[in-house]
C-alpha cells in the first residue's frame, strides 16, 4: 500500500502542477491581451485630450483676463468707497 502511494502520489502531483502551469500560461496571455486593449484606449483618450489643449488654453487665457478686469474693478470701487468714508470721517472730526 505504501509503495503504491509513493508511486501514485507524485504522478498526481505532477499532473496537477502541469494543469496549474497551463492555467497560469492561459491567464498570462489573456492579461497581456487585456493590457494591450487598455493601452490602446488610453492612447486614444490621450490623443483626444491633446486635441482639446488649444481650447483649454483659450479658456484659461479668457478666465485670466476676466479675473484681472474684475480685480481692477473691485480695487477701484473699494478705493472709491474708502475715499468717501475717509472724507466723512475727516468732516466729522473737523466739526
N, C-alpha and C. Protein backbone atom coordinates (compact mmCIF):
# COMPACT_ATOMS: atom_id res chain seq x y z
N UNK A 1 0.82 -1.20 0.00
CA UNK A 1 0.00 0.00 0.00
C UNK A 1 0.86 1.26 0.00
N UNK A 2 1.89 1.27 0.84
CA UNK A 2 2.75 2.44 0.92
C UNK A 2 3.54 2.62 -0.37
N UNK A 3 4.00 1.55 -0.96
CA UNK A 3 4.74 1.66 -2.22
C UNK A 3 3.82 2.16 -3.34
N UNK A 4 2.55 1.79 -3.29
CA UNK A 4 1.58 2.28 -4.27
C UNK A 4 1.41 3.79 -4.14
N UNK A 5 1.25 4.27 -2.89
CA UNK A 5 1.09 5.72 -2.66
C UNK A 5 2.37 6.47 -3.03
N UNK A 6 3.53 5.86 -2.80
CA UNK A 6 4.78 6.52 -3.12
C UNK A 6 4.97 6.66 -4.64
N UNK A 7 4.38 5.82 -5.39
CA UNK A 7 4.47 5.94 -6.85
C UNK A 7 3.30 6.71 -7.44
N UNK A 8 2.13 6.59 -6.85
CA UNK A 8 0.94 7.21 -7.40
C UNK A 8 0.84 8.70 -7.06
N UNK A 9 1.15 9.09 -5.83
CA UNK A 9 1.01 10.49 -5.41
C UNK A 9 1.92 11.44 -6.18
N UNK A 10 3.17 11.12 -6.45
CA UNK A 10 3.97 12.05 -7.27
C UNK A 10 3.39 12.24 -8.67
N UNK A 11 2.81 11.17 -9.23
CA UNK A 11 2.20 11.29 -10.56
C UNK A 11 1.01 12.24 -10.50
N UNK A 12 0.19 12.12 -9.46
CA UNK A 12 -0.96 13.00 -9.30
C UNK A 12 -0.49 14.44 -9.10
N UNK A 13 0.53 14.64 -8.29
CA UNK A 13 1.04 15.98 -8.02
C UNK A 13 1.62 16.59 -9.29
N UNK A 14 2.38 15.83 -10.08
CA UNK A 14 2.92 16.34 -11.33
C UNK A 14 1.80 16.69 -12.31
N UNK A 15 0.78 15.85 -12.36
CA UNK A 15 -0.36 16.13 -13.24
C UNK A 15 -1.05 17.43 -12.84
N UNK A 16 -1.27 17.62 -11.54
CA UNK A 16 -1.90 18.85 -11.06
C UNK A 16 -1.02 20.07 -11.30
N UNK A 17 0.28 19.92 -11.15
CA UNK A 17 1.20 21.03 -11.43
C UNK A 17 1.20 21.40 -12.91
N UNK A 18 1.10 20.40 -13.79
CA UNK A 18 1.02 20.67 -15.22
C UNK A 18 -0.25 21.44 -15.54
N UNK A 19 -1.37 21.02 -14.95
CA UNK A 19 -2.64 21.73 -15.16
C UNK A 19 -2.53 23.16 -14.63
N UNK A 20 -1.95 23.35 -13.47
CA UNK A 20 -1.78 24.68 -12.89
C UNK A 20 -0.89 25.55 -13.76
N UNK A 21 0.16 24.98 -14.33
CA UNK A 21 1.04 25.72 -15.22
C UNK A 21 0.31 26.15 -16.49
N UNK A 22 -0.48 25.25 -17.05
CA UNK A 22 -1.25 25.57 -18.27
C UNK A 22 -2.25 26.70 -17.97
N UNK A 23 -2.94 26.62 -16.83
CA UNK A 23 -3.89 27.68 -16.46
C UNK A 23 -3.16 29.00 -16.26
N UNK A 24 -1.98 28.97 -15.65
CA UNK A 24 -1.19 30.19 -15.47
C UNK A 24 -0.78 30.81 -16.78
N UNK A 25 -0.38 29.96 -17.73
CA UNK A 25 0.01 30.47 -19.05
C UNK A 25 -1.19 31.10 -19.75
N UNK A 26 -2.34 30.45 -19.69
CA UNK A 26 -3.55 30.99 -20.32
C UNK A 26 -3.93 32.34 -19.69
N UNK A 27 -3.90 32.40 -18.37
CA UNK A 27 -4.23 33.67 -17.70
C UNK A 27 -3.22 34.76 -18.04
N UNK A 28 -1.95 34.40 -18.16
CA UNK A 28 -0.93 35.37 -18.54
C UNK A 28 -1.16 35.94 -19.92
N UNK A 29 -1.48 35.06 -20.88
CA UNK A 29 -1.74 35.50 -22.25
C UNK A 29 -2.97 36.40 -22.29
N UNK A 30 -4.02 36.00 -21.57
CA UNK A 30 -5.24 36.82 -21.54
C UNK A 30 -4.98 38.18 -20.91
N UNK A 31 -4.19 38.22 -19.85
CA UNK A 31 -3.92 39.50 -19.19
C UNK A 31 -3.08 40.41 -20.10
N UNK A 32 -2.17 39.82 -20.88
CA UNK A 32 -1.39 40.62 -21.83
C UNK A 32 -2.30 41.19 -22.91
N UNK A 33 -3.23 40.40 -23.40
CA UNK A 33 -4.18 40.90 -24.40
C UNK A 33 -5.04 42.02 -23.83
N UNK A 34 -5.49 41.86 -22.60
CA UNK A 34 -6.31 42.88 -21.96
C UNK A 34 -5.51 44.17 -21.76
N UNK A 35 -4.27 44.04 -21.34
CA UNK A 35 -3.43 45.22 -21.16
C UNK A 35 -3.16 45.94 -22.48
N UNK A 36 -3.03 45.19 -23.57
CA UNK A 36 -2.86 45.83 -24.88
C UNK A 36 -4.11 46.62 -25.27
N UNK A 37 -5.29 46.06 -25.00
CA UNK A 37 -6.53 46.79 -25.29
C UNK A 37 -6.65 48.04 -24.44
N UNK A 38 -6.30 47.93 -23.17
CA UNK A 38 -6.35 49.09 -22.28
C UNK A 38 -5.36 50.16 -22.74
N UNK A 39 -4.20 49.74 -23.20
CA UNK A 39 -3.19 50.68 -23.70
C UNK A 39 -3.71 51.43 -24.92
N UNK A 40 -4.40 50.73 -25.81
CA UNK A 40 -4.98 51.38 -26.98
C UNK A 40 -6.03 52.42 -26.57
N UNK A 41 -6.86 52.08 -25.60
CA UNK A 41 -7.89 53.01 -25.13
C UNK A 41 -7.24 54.24 -24.49
N UNK A 42 -6.21 54.03 -23.69
CA UNK A 42 -5.52 55.14 -23.04
C UNK A 42 -4.86 56.04 -24.07
N UNK A 43 -4.26 55.46 -25.09
CA UNK A 43 -3.66 56.27 -26.15
C UNK A 43 -4.71 57.08 -26.89
N UNK A 44 -5.87 56.48 -27.15
CA UNK A 44 -6.96 57.18 -27.83
C UNK A 44 -7.45 58.36 -26.98
N UNK A 45 -7.64 58.12 -25.71
CA UNK A 45 -8.09 59.20 -24.82
C UNK A 45 -7.04 60.29 -24.74
N UNK A 46 -5.79 59.91 -24.68
CA UNK A 46 -4.70 60.89 -24.63
C UNK A 46 -4.68 61.75 -25.89
N UNK A 47 -4.87 61.14 -27.05
CA UNK A 47 -4.92 61.91 -28.29
C UNK A 47 -6.08 62.89 -28.29
N UNK A 48 -7.23 62.46 -27.79
CA UNK A 48 -8.39 63.35 -27.75
C UNK A 48 -8.17 64.50 -26.78
N UNK A 49 -7.54 64.23 -25.66
CA UNK A 49 -7.26 65.30 -24.69
C UNK A 49 -6.25 66.28 -25.29
N UNK A 50 -5.25 65.77 -25.99
CA UNK A 50 -4.27 66.65 -26.61
C UNK A 50 -4.92 67.55 -27.66
N UNK A 51 -5.93 67.04 -28.35
CA UNK A 51 -6.61 67.87 -29.35
C UNK A 51 -7.41 68.98 -28.69
N UNK A 52 -7.78 68.81 -27.42
CA UNK A 52 -8.54 69.84 -26.72
C UNK A 52 -7.65 70.82 -25.96
N UNK A 53 -6.34 70.64 -26.00
CA UNK A 53 -5.44 71.53 -25.27
C UNK A 53 -5.57 72.98 -25.72
N UNK A 54 -5.75 73.21 -27.01
CA UNK A 54 -5.91 74.57 -27.51
C UNK A 54 -7.15 75.24 -26.92
N UNK A 55 -8.22 74.50 -26.85
CA UNK A 55 -9.46 75.04 -26.27
C UNK A 55 -9.26 75.35 -24.80
N UNK A 56 -8.61 74.44 -24.08
CA UNK A 56 -8.37 74.68 -22.65
C UNK A 56 -7.45 75.88 -22.44
N UNK A 57 -6.46 76.05 -23.30
CA UNK A 57 -5.59 77.22 -23.19
C UNK A 57 -6.37 78.50 -23.44
N UNK A 58 -7.29 78.48 -24.40
CA UNK A 58 -8.12 79.65 -24.67
C UNK A 58 -9.01 79.97 -23.48
N UNK A 59 -9.62 78.95 -22.89
CA UNK A 59 -10.47 79.16 -21.71
C UNK A 59 -9.64 79.70 -20.55
N UNK A 60 -8.44 79.19 -20.36
CA UNK A 60 -7.56 79.65 -19.29
C UNK A 60 -7.17 81.11 -19.51
N UNK A 61 -6.82 81.47 -20.74
CA UNK A 61 -6.46 82.85 -21.05
C UNK A 61 -7.63 83.79 -20.80
N UNK A 62 -8.82 83.36 -21.24
CA UNK A 62 -10.02 84.19 -21.07
C UNK A 62 -10.34 84.40 -19.59
N UNK A 63 -10.28 83.34 -18.81
CA UNK A 63 -10.59 83.49 -17.39
C UNK A 63 -9.55 84.35 -16.69
N UNK A 64 -8.29 84.25 -17.09
CA UNK A 64 -7.27 85.11 -16.50
C UNK A 64 -7.56 86.58 -16.79
N UNK A 65 -7.95 86.88 -18.00
CA UNK A 65 -8.27 88.27 -18.35
C UNK A 65 -9.50 88.76 -17.59
N UNK A 66 -10.51 87.92 -17.48
CA UNK A 66 -11.72 88.31 -16.75
C UNK A 66 -11.40 88.56 -15.28
N UNK A 67 -10.57 87.72 -14.71
CA UNK A 67 -10.18 87.89 -13.31
C UNK A 67 -9.41 89.18 -13.12
N UNK A 68 -8.50 89.50 -14.05
CA UNK A 68 -7.73 90.73 -13.91
C UNK A 68 -8.63 91.95 -14.04
N UNK A 69 -9.60 91.90 -14.93
CA UNK A 69 -10.53 93.02 -15.09
C UNK A 69 -11.39 93.18 -13.84
N UNK A 70 -11.92 92.08 -13.33
CA UNK A 70 -12.76 92.19 -12.13
C UNK A 70 -11.93 92.63 -10.92
N UNK A 71 -10.67 92.23 -10.85
CA UNK A 71 -9.81 92.71 -9.76
C UNK A 71 -9.64 94.22 -9.83
N UNK A 72 -9.42 94.73 -11.04
CA UNK A 72 -9.27 96.19 -11.19
C UNK A 72 -10.55 96.92 -10.84
N UNK A 73 -11.70 96.36 -11.23
CA UNK A 73 -13.00 97.00 -10.90
C UNK A 73 -13.21 96.99 -9.40
N UNK A 74 -12.96 95.87 -8.75
CA UNK A 74 -13.15 95.78 -7.30
C UNK A 74 -12.18 96.72 -6.59
N UNK A 75 -10.96 96.80 -7.08
CA UNK A 75 -9.99 97.73 -6.49
C UNK A 75 -10.46 99.16 -6.60
N UNK A 76 -10.97 99.53 -7.78
CA UNK A 76 -11.46 100.89 -7.98
C UNK A 76 -12.65 101.20 -7.10
N UNK A 77 -13.60 100.28 -7.01
CA UNK A 77 -14.79 100.51 -6.20
C UNK A 77 -14.41 100.60 -4.73
N UNK A 78 -13.53 99.70 -4.28
CA UNK A 78 -13.14 99.75 -2.87
C UNK A 78 -12.35 101.02 -2.57
N UNK A 79 -11.53 101.48 -3.51
CA UNK A 79 -10.82 102.74 -3.31
C UNK A 79 -11.77 103.91 -3.25
N UNK A 80 -12.79 103.91 -4.11
CA UNK A 80 -13.79 104.98 -4.11
C UNK A 80 -14.57 104.98 -2.80
N UNK A 81 -14.99 103.83 -2.35
CA UNK A 81 -15.72 103.73 -1.08
C UNK A 81 -14.82 104.17 0.06
N UNK A 82 -13.57 103.79 0.01
CA UNK A 82 -12.62 104.19 1.05
C UNK A 82 -12.44 105.69 1.11
N UNK A 83 -12.33 106.34 -0.03
CA UNK A 83 -12.17 107.80 -0.02
C UNK A 83 -13.42 108.50 0.48
N UNK A 84 -14.59 107.98 0.13
CA UNK A 84 -15.84 108.59 0.60
C UNK A 84 -15.91 108.51 2.12
N UNK A 85 -15.60 107.35 2.68
CA UNK A 85 -15.68 107.21 4.13
C UNK A 85 -14.58 108.00 4.83
N UNK A 86 -13.41 108.12 4.23
CA UNK A 86 -12.34 108.92 4.83
C UNK A 86 -12.74 110.39 4.88
N UNK A 87 -13.37 110.87 3.82
CA UNK A 87 -13.82 112.27 3.79
C UNK A 87 -14.88 112.50 4.86
N UNK A 88 -15.79 111.53 5.01
CA UNK A 88 -16.83 111.67 6.04
C UNK A 88 -16.21 111.72 7.42
N UNK A 89 -15.23 110.88 7.67
CA UNK A 89 -14.58 110.86 8.98
C UNK A 89 -13.85 112.18 9.23
N UNK A 90 -13.17 112.70 8.20
CA UNK A 90 -12.47 113.96 8.37
C UNK A 90 -13.45 115.09 8.62
N UNK A 91 -14.59 115.06 7.91
CA UNK A 91 -15.60 116.09 8.11
C UNK A 91 -16.20 115.99 9.51
N UNK A 92 -16.43 114.73 9.99
CA UNK A 92 -16.99 114.55 11.33
C UNK A 92 -15.98 115.00 12.39
N UNK A 93 -14.69 114.76 12.18
CA UNK A 93 -13.68 115.15 13.14
C UNK A 93 -13.51 116.67 13.17
N UNK A 94 -13.64 117.35 12.03
CA UNK A 94 -13.50 118.80 11.99
C UNK A 94 -14.65 119.49 12.69
N UNK A 95 -15.83 118.91 12.63
CA UNK A 95 -16.99 119.54 13.25
C UNK A 95 -16.89 119.34 14.71
